């Protein structure tokens, strides 16, 4: 089983930036994709961005396209989420996960980190 540890969250003003990190260990598979999801209070966990293990293909939710960038450092088994031009509606707990598909349904994934809180003030 893969272990995932997120970090980098915090409180930032609207328009600011944060970079989240997710360190993977344990049974990591080179064929697996890495994804970021987020969950705001009272809402379902939603897909934010995903990337192939090789880092050559990335996908984004429409709500973050052009503002967020996902990347990987395979030497460190770490995936990053650079978040720019943050908005109050980006406020959520951000989670990373890993799996063999591009599914945007959180139910498709078994392994999750503990999450990191991102709060964007207006």
Protein backbone atom coordinates (compact mmCIF):
# COMPACT_ATOMS: atom_id res chain seq x y z
CA UNK A 1 0.00 0.00 0.00
CA UNK A 2 1.19 3.50 -0.76
CA UNK A 3 1.59 6.09 1.98
CA UNK A 4 0.96 9.74 1.11
CA UNK A 5 1.86 12.81 3.15
CA UNK A 6 0.67 16.27 2.08
CA UNK A 7 2.18 19.55 3.22
CA UNK A 8 2.36 23.21 2.28
CA UNK A 9 -1.12 24.44 3.10
CA UNK A 10 -1.82 27.66 4.95
CA UNK A 11 -3.65 30.96 5.04
CA UNK A 12 -3.20 33.30 2.09
CA UNK A 13 -4.95 36.39 0.75
CA UNK A 14 -6.90 36.27 -2.49
CA UNK A 15 -4.54 36.59 -5.43
CA UNK A 16 -1.71 34.93 -3.55
CA UNK A 17 0.13 31.67 -4.16
CA UNK A 18 0.89 28.43 -2.35
CA UNK A 19 2.76 25.27 -3.31
CA UNK A 20 1.53 21.98 -1.95
CA UNK A 21 3.67 18.85 -1.76
CA UNK A 22 2.72 15.19 -1.56
CA UNK A 23 5.43 12.68 -0.67
CA UNK A 24 4.71 9.07 -1.64
CA UNK A 25 6.30 5.98 -0.11
CA UNK A 26 5.62 2.28 0.13
CA UNK A 27 4.16 0.45 -2.85
CA UNK A 28 4.42 3.12 -5.51
CA UNK A 29 3.86 1.93 -9.08
CA UNK A 30 5.43 3.53 -12.12
CA UNK A 31 2.19 3.01 -14.06
CA UNK A 32 0.10 4.89 -11.53
CA UNK A 33 -1.11 8.45 -11.84
CA UNK A 34 -0.98 10.97 -9.03
CA UNK A 35 -3.92 13.25 -8.34
CA UNK A 36 -4.90 16.18 -6.18
CA UNK A 37 -8.46 16.42 -4.86
CA UNK A 38 -10.00 18.96 -2.52
CA UNK A 39 -12.92 19.02 -0.15
CA UNK A 40 -14.63 22.16 1.11
CA UNK A 41 -16.92 22.08 4.17
CA UNK A 42 -20.26 20.50 3.32
CA UNK A 43 -19.17 19.55 -0.17
CA UNK A 44 -18.00 16.37 -1.85
CA UNK A 45 -14.34 15.71 -2.52
CA UNK A 46 -13.58 16.94 -6.03
CA UNK A 47 -10.84 16.36 -8.57
CA UNK A 48 -8.37 19.21 -8.98
CA UNK A 49 -5.45 17.94 -11.07
CA UNK A 50 -3.70 14.74 -12.10
CA UNK A 51 -0.42 13.73 -13.67
CA UNK A 52 1.11 10.58 -15.09
CA UNK A 53 4.00 9.00 -13.21
CA UNK A 54 6.35 10.07 -16.00
CA UNK A 55 5.03 13.61 -15.75
CA UNK A 56 4.33 13.94 -19.46
CA UNK A 57 0.54 14.30 -19.24
CA UNK A 58 -1.44 16.49 -16.85
CA UNK A 59 -5.13 17.28 -16.54
CA UNK A 60 -6.98 19.94 -14.58
CA UNK A 61 -10.46 20.73 -13.40
CA UNK A 62 -11.94 23.63 -15.33
CA UNK A 63 -12.11 25.69 -12.14
CA UNK A 64 -8.31 25.72 -11.74
CA UNK A 65 -7.05 25.69 -15.34
CA UNK A 66 -4.55 28.43 -15.98
CA UNK A 67 -4.01 29.03 -12.25
CA UNK A 68 -2.76 25.69 -10.87
CA UNK A 69 0.13 23.57 -12.12
CA UNK A 70 0.82 19.97 -11.13
CA UNK A 71 4.32 18.56 -11.39
CA UNK A 72 6.42 15.62 -10.17
CA UNK A 73 9.90 14.94 -8.94
CA UNK A 74 10.38 11.20 -9.46
CA UNK A 75 13.73 11.18 -7.67
CA UNK A 76 11.91 12.33 -4.54
CA UNK A 77 8.64 10.45 -5.18
CA UNK A 78 6.90 13.78 -4.68
CA UNK A 79 4.11 15.51 -6.55
CA UNK A 80 3.52 19.24 -6.28
CA UNK A 81 0.59 21.58 -6.83
CA UNK A 82 1.56 25.16 -7.54
CA UNK A 83 -1.48 27.33 -6.91
CA UNK A 84 -1.47 30.92 -8.19
CA UNK A 85 -4.15 33.62 -8.29
CA UNK A 86 -5.94 31.94 -5.41
CA UNK A 87 -9.59 32.71 -4.81
CA UNK A 88 -11.72 32.33 -1.66
CA UNK A 89 -13.56 29.49 -3.38
CA UNK A 90 -10.30 27.53 -3.46
CA UNK A 91 -10.55 27.19 0.32
CA UNK A 92 -10.61 23.48 1.14
CA UNK A 93 -8.63 20.58 2.52
CA UNK A 94 -6.39 19.34 -0.28
CA UNK A 95 -5.61 15.63 -0.58
CA UNK A 96 -3.39 13.61 -2.85
CA UNK A 97 -4.06 10.10 -4.05
CA UNK A 98 -2.69 7.55 -6.49
CA UNK A 99 -4.23 5.07 -8.89
CA UNK A 100 -4.17 3.54 -12.35
CA UNK A 101 -6.95 5.69 -13.85
CA UNK A 102 -7.95 9.25 -14.61
CA UNK A 103 -11.22 8.86 -12.71
CA UNK A 104 -12.46 12.09 -11.19
CA UNK A 105 -14.55 10.16 -8.65
CA UNK A 106 -12.97 10.08 -5.19
CA UNK A 107 -14.57 6.65 -4.63
CA UNK A 108 -12.16 5.24 -7.24
CA UNK A 109 -9.18 5.63 -4.93
CA UNK A 110 -8.26 3.68 -1.81
CA UNK A 111 -5.17 5.48 -0.53
CA UNK A 112 -5.30 9.06 0.72
CA UNK A 113 -3.03 11.34 2.68
CA UNK A 114 -4.19 13.20 5.77
CA UNK A 115 -4.81 16.37 3.78
CA UNK A 116 -3.55 19.91 4.12
CA UNK A 117 -5.77 22.93 4.78
CA UNK A 118 -5.76 25.82 2.33
CA UNK A 119 -7.62 28.95 3.38
CA UNK A 120 -7.94 31.92 1.05
CA UNK A 121 -9.17 35.14 2.60
CA UNK A 122 -10.95 37.84 0.59
